[in-house]
PDB file of N, CA and C in Angstrom:
ATOM      1  N   MET A   1      -4.861   2.754  -9.379  1.00  0.00           N
ATOM      2  CA  MET A   1      -5.499   1.571  -8.478  1.00  0.00           C
ATOM      3  C   MET A   1      -7.426   1.743  -9.078  1.00  0.00           C
ATOM      4  N   THR A   2      -7.960   0.226  -8.449  1.00  0.00           N
ATOM      5  CA  THR A   2      -8.948   0.119  -8.675  1.00  0.00           C
ATOM      6  C   THR A   2     -10.086   0.569  -8.028  1.00  0.00           C
ATOM      7  N   TYR A   3     -10.522   0.980  -8.049  1.00  0.00           N
ATOM      8  CA  TYR A   3     -12.058   1.707  -6.612  1.00  0.00           C
ATOM      9  C   TYR A   3     -12.999  -0.002  -6.859  1.00  0.00           C
ATOM     10  N   THR A   4     -13.604   0.131  -5.297  1.00  0.00           N
ATOM     11  CA  THR A   4     -14.886  -0.855  -5.328  1.00  0.00           C
ATOM     12  C   THR A   4     -15.942   0.046  -5.130  1.00  0.00           C
ATOM     13  N   GLU A   5     -15.646   1.205  -4.915  1.00  0.00           N
ATOM     14  CA  GLU A   5     -17.191   2.284  -4.021  1.00  0.00           C
ATOM     15  C   GLU A   5     -16.580   3.200  -4.447  1.00  0.00           C
ATOM     16  N   GLU A   6     -17.116   4.410  -3.622  1.00  0.00           N
ATOM     17  CA  GLU A   6     -16.585   5.672  -3.078  1.00  0.00           C
ATOM     18  C   GLU A   6     -16.392   5.542  -1.559  1.00  0.00           C
ATOM     19  N   ASN A   7     -15.379   6.113  -0.816  1.00  0.00           N
ATOM     20  CA  ASN A   7     -15.946   5.872   0.547  1.00  0.00           C
ATOM     21  C   ASN A   7     -15.318   6.843   0.960  1.00  0.00           C
ATOM     22  N   PRO A   8     -16.305   7.807   1.846  1.00  0.00           N
ATOM     23  CA  PRO A   8     -16.491   8.648   2.685  1.00  0.00           C
ATOM     24  C   PRO A   8     -15.024   9.026   4.032  1.00  0.00           C
ATOM     25  N   SER A   9     -14.943   7.999   4.408  1.00  0.00           N
ATOM     26  CA  SER A   9     -14.057   7.443   5.788  1.00  0.00           C
ATOM     27  C   SER A   9     -12.665   8.064   6.485  1.00  0.00           C
ATOM     28  N   ARG A  10     -12.359   8.378   6.726  1.00  0.00           N
ATOM     29  CA  ARG A  10     -10.814   9.320   7.159  1.00  0.00           C
ATOM     30  C   ARG A  10     -10.243   8.486   7.897  1.00  0.00           C
ATOM     31  N   ARG A  11     -11.048   7.421   8.939  1.00  0.00           N
ATOM     32  CA  ARG A  11     -10.306   6.983   9.254  1.00  0.00           C
ATOM     33  C   ARG A  11      -9.690   5.628   8.765  1.00  0.00           C
ATOM     34  N   LYS A  12     -10.081   5.648   7.386  1.00  0.00           N
ATOM     35  CA  LYS A  12      -9.698   5.092   6.722  1.00  0.00           C
ATOM     36  C   LYS A  12      -9.764   4.601   5.736  1.00  0.00           C
ATOM     37  N   PRO A  13      -8.632   5.879   4.537  1.00  0.00           N
ATOM     38  CA  PRO A  13      -9.505   6.198   3.368  1.00  0.00           C
ATOM     39  C   PRO A  13      -8.972   5.422   2.110  1.00  0.00           C
ATOM     40  N   HIS A  14      -8.944   3.815   2.029  1.00  0.00           N
ATOM     41  CA  HIS A  14      -8.308   3.867   1.640  1.00  0.00           C
ATOM     42  C   HIS A  14      -9.054   2.391   1.078  1.00  0.00           C
ATOM     43  N   SER A  15     -10.117   2.224   2.440  1.00  0.00           N
ATOM     44  CA  SER A  15     -10.665   0.805   2.500  1.00  0.00           C
ATOM     45  C   SER A  15     -11.683   0.896   1.175  1.00  0.00           C
ATOM     46  N   TRP A  16     -11.990   1.382   0.601  1.00  0.00           N
ATOM     47  CA  TRP A  16     -12.551   1.416  -0.851  1.00  0.00           C
ATOM     48  C   TRP A  16     -12.143   0.316  -1.871  1.00  0.00           C
ATOM     49  N   TRP A  17     -10.624   0.354  -2.426  1.00  0.00           N
ATOM     50  CA  TRP A  17      -9.853  -0.241  -3.008  1.00  0.00           C
ATOM     51  C   TRP A  17     -10.630  -1.264  -3.251  1.00  0.00           C
ATOM     52  N   ALA A  18     -10.348  -1.774  -4.381  1.00  0.00           N
ATOM     53  CA  ALA A  18     -10.307  -4.137  -4.459  1.00  0.00           C
ATOM     54  C   ALA A  18      -9.550  -3.939  -3.980  1.00  0.00           C
ATOM     55  N   GLY A  19      -9.423  -5.141  -2.929  1.00  0.00           N
ATOM     56  CA  GLY A  19      -8.419  -6.014  -2.180  1.00  0.00           C
ATOM     57  C   GLY A  19      -7.821  -5.776  -1.436  1.00  0.00           C
ATOM     58  N   TYR A  20      -8.917  -4.719  -0.424  1.00  0.00           N
ATOM     59  CA  TYR A  20      -8.054  -4.242   0.747  1.00  0.00           C
ATOM     60  C   TYR A  20      -8.525  -4.606   1.898  1.00  0.00           C
ATOM     61  N   GLN A  21      -7.304  -5.113   2.659  1.00  0.00           N
ATOM     62  CA  GLN A  21      -7.130  -5.821   3.598  1.00  0.00           C
ATOM     63  C   GLN A  21      -6.952  -4.588   5.047  1.00  0.00           C
ATOM     64  N   THR A  22      -5.990  -4.418   5.246  1.00  0.00           N
ATOM     65  CA  THR A  22      -5.457  -3.122   5.820  1.00  0.00           C
ATOM     66  C   THR A  22      -4.480  -1.698   5.671  1.00  0.00           C
ATOM     67  N   GLU A  23      -4.830  -0.851   6.817  1.00  0.00           N
ATOM     68  CA  GLU A  23      -3.737   0.376   6.284  1.00  0.00           C
ATOM     69  C   GLU A  23      -3.405   0.759   7.741  1.00  0.00           C
ATOM     70  N   ARG A  24      -2.529   1.719   7.269  1.00  0.00           N
ATOM     71  CA  ARG A  24      -1.253   2.122   8.710  1.00  0.00           C
ATOM     72  C   ARG A  24      -1.013   3.551   8.204  1.00  0.00           C
ATOM     73  N   LYS A  25      -1.189   4.627   9.039  1.00  0.00           N
ATOM     74  CA  LYS A  25      -1.128   6.082   8.270  1.00  0.00           C
ATOM     75  C   LYS A  25       0.500   6.173   9.303  1.00  0.00           C
ATOM     76  N   PHE A  26       1.033   7.279   8.217  1.00  0.00           N
ATOM     77  CA  PHE A  26       2.190   7.453   8.721  1.00  0.00           C
ATOM     78  C   PHE A  26       2.438   8.779   8.233  1.00  0.00           C
ATOM     79  N   ALA A  27       1.893   9.538   9.623  1.00  0.00           N
ATOM     80  CA  ALA A  27       1.928  10.941   9.546  1.00  0.00           C
ATOM     81  C   ALA A  27       2.920  12.216   8.978  1.00  0.00           C
ATOM     82  N   ASP A  28       4.425  11.233   9.629  1.00  0.00           N
ATOM     83  CA  ASP A  28       5.382  11.687  10.031  1.00  0.00           C
ATOM     84  C   ASP A  28       6.263  11.717   9.062  1.00  0.00           C
ATOM     85  N   LEU A  29       5.434  11.040   7.622  1.00  0.00           N
ATOM     86  CA  LEU A  29       5.386  10.792   6.186  1.00  0.00           C
ATOM     87  C   LEU A  29       4.448  11.804   5.069  1.00  0.00           C
ATOM     88  N   GLY A  30       3.605  11.411   6.264  1.00  0.00           N
ATOM     89  CA  GLY A  30       2.724  11.859   4.936  1.00  0.00           C
ATOM     90  C   GLY A  30       1.364  11.063   3.836  1.00  0.00           C
ATOM     91  N   THR A  31       1.645   9.968   4.403  1.00  0.00           N
ATOM     92  CA  THR A  31       1.325   8.947   3.832  1.00  0.00           C
ATOM     93  C   THR A  31       0.828   6.973   4.396  1.00  0.00           C
ATOM     94  N   TYR A  32      -0.006   7.012   4.382  1.00  0.00           N
ATOM     95  CA  TYR A  32      -0.379   5.331   3.987  1.00  0.00           C
ATOM     96  C   TYR A  32      -0.206   4.546   3.832  1.00  0.00           C
ATOM     97  N   ALA A  33       0.569   3.465   4.212  1.00  0.00           N
ATOM     98  CA  ALA A  33       0.980   1.841   3.685  1.00  0.00           C
ATOM     99  C   ALA A  33      -0.443   0.950   3.815  1.00  0.00           C
ATOM    100  N   VAL A  34      -0.950   0.462   2.616  1.00  0.00           N
ATOM    101  CA  VAL A  34      -2.467  -0.350   2.544  1.00  0.00           C
ATOM    102  C   VAL A  34      -1.756  -1.934   1.768  1.00  0.00           C
ATOM    103  N   VAL A  35      -2.520  -2.649   1.962  1.00  0.00           N
ATOM    104  CA  VAL A  35      -2.323  -4.327   1.819  1.00  0.00           C
ATOM    105  C   VAL A  35      -3.526  -4.366   1.067  1.00  0.00           C
ATOM    106  N   ILE A  36      -2.798  -5.207  -0.137  1.00  0.00           N
ATOM    107  CA  ILE A  36      -3.897  -5.392  -0.837  1.00  0.00           C
ATOM    108  C   ILE A  36      -3.882  -6.580  -1.638  1.00  0.00           C
ATOM    109  N   GLU A  37      -5.049  -7.338  -1.620  1.00  0.00           N
ATOM    110  CA  GLU A  37      -4.423  -8.624  -2.835  1.00  0.00           C
ATOM    111  C   GLU A  37      -4.488  -7.751  -3.666  1.00  0.00           C
ATOM    112  N   ALA A  38      -3.137  -7.928  -4.943  1.00  0.00           N
ATOM    113  CA  ALA A  38      -3.231  -8.133  -5.942  1.00  0.00           C
ATOM    114  C   ALA A  38      -3.490  -8.138  -7.315  1.00  0.00           C
ATOM    115  N   ARG A  39      -4.066  -9.865  -6.929  1.00  0.00           N
ATOM    116  CA  ARG A  39      -4.965  -9.863  -8.060  1.00  0.00           C
ATOM    117  C   ARG A  39      -6.200  -8.975  -8.328  1.00  0.00           C
ATOM    118  N   GLU A  40      -7.544  -8.786  -7.190  1.00  0.00           N
ATOM    119  CA  GLU A  40      -8.121  -7.870  -6.978  1.00  0.00           C
ATOM    120  C   GLU A  40      -7.421  -6.679  -7.337  1.00  0.00           C
ATOM    121  N   GLN A  41      -6.137  -5.737  -7.654  1.00  0.00           N
ATOM    122  CA  GLN A  41      -6.419  -5.177  -7.556  1.00  0.00           C
ATOM    123  C   GLN A  41      -6.154  -4.999  -9.072  1.00  0.00           C
ATOM    124  N   GLY A  42      -6.313  -5.786  -9.690  1.00  0.00           N
ATOM    125  CA  GLY A  42      -5.866  -6.630 -11.601  1.00  0.00           C
ATOM    126  C   GLY A  42      -4.043  -5.474 -11.336  1.00  0.00           C
ATOM    127  N   LEU A  43      -2.912  -6.782 -10.674  1.00  0.00           N
ATOM    128  CA  LEU A  43      -1.766  -6.569 -10.681  1.00  0.00           C
ATOM    129  C   LEU A  43      -1.208  -7.737 -10.591  1.00  0.00           C
ATOM    130  N   ASP A  44       0.260  -7.737 -11.236  1.00  0.00           N
ATOM    131  CA  ASP A  44       0.607  -8.779 -11.483  1.00  0.00           C
ATOM    132  C   ASP A  44       0.946  -8.996  -9.890  1.00  0.00           C
ATOM    133  N   ASP A  45       0.439 -10.805  -9.791  1.00  0.00           N
ATOM    134  CA  ASP A  45       0.246 -11.137  -8.200  1.00  0.00           C
ATOM    135  C   ASP A  45       2.313 -11.991  -8.875  1.00  0.00           C
ATOM    136  N   ALA A  46       2.920 -12.158  -9.186  1.00  0.00           N
ATOM    137  CA  ALA A  46       3.951 -13.321  -9.698  1.00  0.00           C
ATOM    138  C   ALA A  46       4.795 -13.154  -8.299  1.00  0.00           C
ATOM    139  N   GLY A  47       5.128 -11.855  -7.383  1.00  0.00           N
ATOM    140  CA  GLY A  47       5.660 -11.485  -7.232  1.00  0.00           C
ATOM    141  C   GLY A  47       5.217 -11.989  -5.414  1.00  0.00           C
ATOM    142  N   GLY A  48       3.670 -12.224  -5.760  1.00  0.00           N
ATOM    143  CA  GLY A  48       3.461 -12.524  -4.296  1.00  0.00           C
ATOM    144  C   GLY A  48       1.795 -12.388  -4.398  1.00  0.00           C
ATOM    145  N   ARG A  49       1.094 -12.819  -3.735  1.00  0.00           N
ATOM    146  CA  ARG A  49      -0.532 -12.698  -3.656  1.00  0.00           C
ATOM    147  C   ARG A  49      -0.687 -11.268  -3.183  1.00  0.00           C
ATOM    148  N   TRP A  50      -0.100 -10.507  -1.962  1.00  0.00           N
ATOM    149  CA  TRP A  50      -0.481  -9.865  -1.778  1.00  0.00           C
ATOM    150  C   TRP A  50       0.347  -8.342  -1.753  1.00  0.00           C
ATOM    151  N   GLY A  51       0.043  -7.260  -1.794  1.00  0.00           N
ATOM    152  CA  GLY A  51       1.113  -6.180  -2.154  1.00  0.00           C
ATOM    153  C   GLY A  51       0.378  -4.798  -1.264  1.00  0.00           C
ATOM    154  N   ILE A  52       1.556  -4.012  -0.837  1.00  0.00           N
ATOM    155  CA  ILE A  52       1.946  -3.567   0.130  1.00  0.00           C
ATOM    156  C   ILE A  52       2.204  -1.863  -0.689  1.00  0.00           C
ATOM    157  N   VAL A  53       1.111  -1.106  -0.529  1.00  0.00           N
ATOM    158  CA  VAL A  53       1.405   0.102  -1.311  1.00  0.00           C
ATOM    159  C   VAL A  53       1.615   1.295  -0.821  1.00  0.00           C
ATOM    160  N   CYS A  54       3.123   2.005  -0.850  1.00  0.00           N
ATOM    161  CA  CYS A  54       2.702   3.298  -0.677  1.00  0.00           C
ATOM    162  C   CYS A  54       1.842   3.996  -1.452  1.00  0.00           C
ATOM    163  N   ALA A  55       0.829   5.059  -0.369  1.00  0.00           N
ATOM    164  CA  ALA A  55       0.058   5.700  -1.594  1.00  0.00           C
ATOM    165  C   ALA A  55       0.211   6.902  -1.456  1.00  0.00           C
ATOM    166  N   ARG A  56       1.441   7.519  -0.869  1.00  0.00           N
ATOM    167  CA  ARG A  56       1.547   9.197  -2.157  1.00  0.00           C
ATOM    168  C   ARG A  56       2.180   8.726  -3.207  1.00  0.00           C
ATOM    169  N   HIS A  57       2.914   7.609  -2.772  1.00  0.00           N
ATOM    170  CA  HIS A  57       3.970   7.495  -4.595  1.00  0.00           C
ATOM    171  C   HIS A  57       3.281   6.199  -4.957  1.00  0.00           C
ATOM    172  N   SER A  58       2.632   5.359  -5.187  1.00  0.00           N
ATOM    173  CA  SER A  58       2.293   4.407  -5.148  1.00  0.00           C
ATOM    174  C   SER A  58       2.471   3.584  -5.868  1.00  0.00           C
ATOM    175  N   THR A  59       4.256   2.812  -4.926  1.00  0.00           N
ATOM    176  CA  THR A  59       4.873   1.941  -5.017  1.00  0.00           C
ATOM    177  C   THR A  59       3.762   1.546  -4.767  1.00  0.00           C
ATOM    178  N   ILE A  60       4.449  -0.502  -5.094  1.00  0.00           N
ATOM    179  CA  ILE A  60       4.409  -1.458  -4.428  1.00  0.00           C
ATOM    180  C   ILE A  60       5.334  -2.477  -4.227  1.00  0.00           C
ATOM    181  N   LEU A  61       5.219  -3.586  -3.357  1.00  0.00           N
ATOM    182  CA  LEU A  61       6.040  -4.475  -3.147  1.00  0.00           C
ATOM    183  C   LEU A  61       5.082  -5.692  -2.376  1.00  0.00           C
ATOM    184  N   ASN A  62       5.425  -7.015  -3.418  1.00  0.00           N
ATOM    185  CA  ASN A  62       4.525  -8.003  -3.468  1.00  0.00           C
ATOM    186  C   ASN A  62       5.041  -9.220  -2.393  1.00  0.00           C
ATOM    187  N   THR A  63       3.928  -9.887  -1.180  1.00  0.00           N
ATOM    188  CA  THR A  63       4.551 -10.808  -0.389  1.00  0.00           C
ATOM    189  C   THR A  63       3.851 -11.801  -0.705  1.00  0.00           C
ATOM    190  N   THR A  64       4.473 -12.897  -0.162  1.00  0.00           N
ATOM    191  CA  THR A  64       3.352 -14.747  -0.507  1.00  0.00           C
ATOM    192  C   THR A  64       2.729 -14.802   0.541  1.00  0.00           C
ATOM    193  N   SER A  65       2.493 -13.734   1.806  1.00  0.00           N
ATOM    194  CA  SER A  65       1.767 -13.932   3.042  1.00  0.00           C
ATOM    195  C   SER A  65       0.698 -12.645   3.440  1.00  0.00           C
ATOM    196  N   LEU A  66      -0.040 -13.003   3.691  1.00  0.00           N
ATOM    197  CA  LEU A  66      -0.562 -11.526   4.686  1.00  0.00           C
ATOM    198  C   LEU A  66      -0.222 -11.174   5.398  1.00  0.00           C
ATOM    199  N   LYS A  67       0.029 -12.320   6.638  1.00  0.00           N
ATOM    200  CA  LYS A  67       0.479 -11.996   8.152  1.00  0.00           C
ATOM    201  C   LYS A  67       2.358 -11.636   7.590  1.00  0.00           C
ATOM    202  N   LEU A  68       3.067 -11.235   6.286  1.00  0.00           N
ATOM    203  CA  LEU A  68       4.388 -11.003   5.952  1.00  0.00           C
ATOM    204  C   LEU A  68       4.031  -9.056   5.592  1.00  0.00           C
ATOM    205  N   ALA A  69       2.663  -9.622   5.043  1.00  0.00           N
ATOM    206  CA  ALA A  69       2.540  -7.881   4.025  1.00  0.00           C
ATOM    207  C   ALA A  69       2.203  -7.499   4.872  1.00  0.00           C
ATOM    208  N   ARG A  70       1.466  -7.392   6.836  1.00  0.00           N
ATOM    209  CA  ARG A  70       1.106  -6.920   7.585  1.00  0.00           C
ATOM    210  C   ARG A  70       2.132  -6.076   8.734  1.00  0.00           C
ATOM    211  N   GLU A  71       3.057  -7.451   8.571  1.00  0.00           N
ATOM    212  CA  GLU A  71       4.817  -6.682   9.061  1.00  0.00           C
ATOM    213  C   GLU A  71       4.986  -5.654   8.391  1.00  0.00           C
ATOM    214  N   ILE A  72       5.749  -5.938   7.148  1.00  0.00           N
ATOM    215  CA  ILE A  72       6.130  -4.989   6.360  1.00  0.00           C
ATOM    216  C   ILE A  72       5.146  -3.841   6.645  1.00  0.00           C
ATOM    217  N   MET A  73       3.900  -3.785   5.878  1.00  0.00           N
ATOM    218  CA  MET A  73       3.786  -2.461   6.647  1.00  0.00           C
ATOM    219  C   MET A  73       3.735  -1.727   7.948  1.00  0.00           C
ATOM    220  N   ARG A  74       4.111  -2.728   8.893  1.00  0.00           N
ATOM    221  CA  ARG A  74       4.258  -1.784  10.114  1.00  0.00           C
ATOM    222  C   ARG A  74       5.655  -1.130  10.267  1.00  0.00           C
ATOM    223  N   SER A  75       6.617  -2.014   9.296  1.00  0.00           N
ATOM    224  CA  SER A  75       7.412  -0.839   9.790  1.00  0.00           C
ATOM    225  C   SER A  75       8.011  -0.030   8.916  1.00  0.00           C
ATOM    226  N   GLY A  76       6.740   0.501   8.338  1.00  0.00           N
ATOM    227  CA  GLY A  76       6.559   1.621   7.280  1.00  0.00           C
ATOM    228  C   GLY A  76       7.763   1.938   5.447  1.00  0.00           C
ATOM    229  N   PRO A  77       6.615   2.855   5.255  1.00  0.00           N
ATOM    230  CA  PRO A  77       7.554   3.126   4.023  1.00  0.00           C
ATOM    231  C   PRO A  77       8.820   3.091   3.429  1.00  0.00           C
ATOM    232  N   THR A  78       9.818   3.937   5.083  1.00  0.00           N
ATOM    233  CA  THR A  78      10.957   4.182   4.313  1.00  0.00           C
ATOM    234  C   THR A  78      11.877   2.705   4.596  1.00  0.00           C
ATOM    235  N   GLU A  79      10.758   1.643   4.472  1.00  0.00           N
ATOM    236  CA  GLU A  79      11.896   0.077   4.322  1.00  0.00           C
ATOM    237  C   GLU A  79      10.921  -0.169   3.457  1.00  0.00           C
ATOM    238  N   TRP A  80      11.464   0.010   2.517  1.00  0.00           N
ATOM    239  CA  TRP A  80      10.604  -0.541   1.242  1.00  0.00           C
ATOM    240  C   TRP A  80       9.869   0.117   0.066  1.00  0.00           C
ATOM    241  N   CYS A  81       9.504   1.430   0.706  1.00  0.00           N
ATOM    242  CA  CYS A  81       9.345   2.339  -0.700  1.00  0.00           C
ATOM    243  C   CYS A  81      11.163   2.900  -1.136  1.00  0.00           C
ATOM    244  N   ASP A  82      11.347   3.263  -2.560  1.00  0.00           N
ATOM    245  CA  ASP A  82      12.230   3.888  -2.439  1.00  0.00           C
ATOM    246  C   ASP A  82      11.965   5.702  -2.755  1.00  0.00           C
ATOM    247  N   TYR A  83      11.387   5.895  -2.615  1.00  0.00           N
ATOM    248  CA  TYR A  83      10.747   7.506  -2.791  1.00  0.00           C
ATOM    249  C   TYR A  83      10.922   7.677  -1.343  1.00  0.00           C
ATOM    250  N   CYS A  84      10.266   7.756  -0.404  1.00  0.00           N
ATOM    251  CA  CYS A  84       9.875   7.716   1.367  1.00  0.00           C
ATOM    252  C   CYS A  84      11.399   7.301   1.480  1.00  0.00           C
ATOM    253  N   ARG A  85      12.344   6.326   1.511  1.00  0.00           N
ATOM    254  CA  ARG A  85      13.813   5.956   1.281  1.00  0.00           C
ATOM    255  C   ARG A  85      14.565   7.618   1.484  1.00  0.00           C
ATOM    256  N   GLY A  86      14.008   8.809   0.641  1.00  0.00           N
ATOM    257  CA  GLY A  86      15.087   9.512   0.413  1.00  0.00           C
ATOM    258  C   GLY A  86      15.286   9.942  -1.347  1.00  0.00           C
ATOM    259  N   GLU A  87      15.377   9.003  -1.751  1.00  0.00           N
ATOM    260  CA  GLU A  87      15.406   8.720  -3.884  1.00  0.00           C
ATOM    261  C   GLU A  87      14.286   9.948  -3.902  1.00  0.00           C
ATOM    262  N   GLU A  88      15.362  10.752  -5.113  1.00  0.00           N
ATOM    263  CA  GLU A  88      14.481  11.438  -5.837  1.00  0.00           C
ATOM    264  C   GLU A  88      12.779  10.829  -6.676  1.00  0.00           C
ATOM    265  N   TYR A  89      11.504  11.785  -6.570  1.00  0.00           N
ATOM    266  CA  TYR A  89      10.625  11.387  -6.925  1.00  0.00           C
ATOM    267  C   TYR A  89      10.123  12.397  -8.544  1.00  0.00           C
ATOM    268  N   PRO A  90       9.710  12.536  -8.615  1.00  0.00           N
ATOM    269  CA  PRO A  90       9.288  13.199  -9.458  1.00  0.00           C
ATOM    270  C   PRO A  90       8.348  13.991  -9.480  1.00  0.00           C
ATOM    271  N   PHE A  91       6.895  14.072  -8.771  1.00  0.00           N
ATOM    272  CA  PHE A  91       5.989  14.439  -8.883  1.00  0.00           C
ATOM    273  C   PHE A  91       6.247  15.292  -7.720  1.00  0.00           C
ATOM    274  N   ASP A  92       6.775  14.639  -6.470  1.00  0.00           N
ATOM    275  CA  ASP A  92       6.514  15.289  -5.132  1.00  0.00           C
ATOM    276  C   ASP A  92       6.591  17.380  -5.056  1.00  0.00           C
TER     277      ASP A  92
END
């Protein structure tokens, strides 16, 4: 991830990421879902301008609208992160 500055915030710990828009904590999964602007993060935005990131596994789902990105974020990473769905991840 590309960082813009240090952020000591516990409430919004990813707000210092480049392209940051919003985030939501999923304590039961031990992760956050973070909405970013893909291009500002240095990511390919061919799948859509907005990316939803699983902070634990660094998986990204792109979408074309910020409204949709926020809705997907609220649904939780088990809906779009393969590793949160229970598929094996080599670094857990």
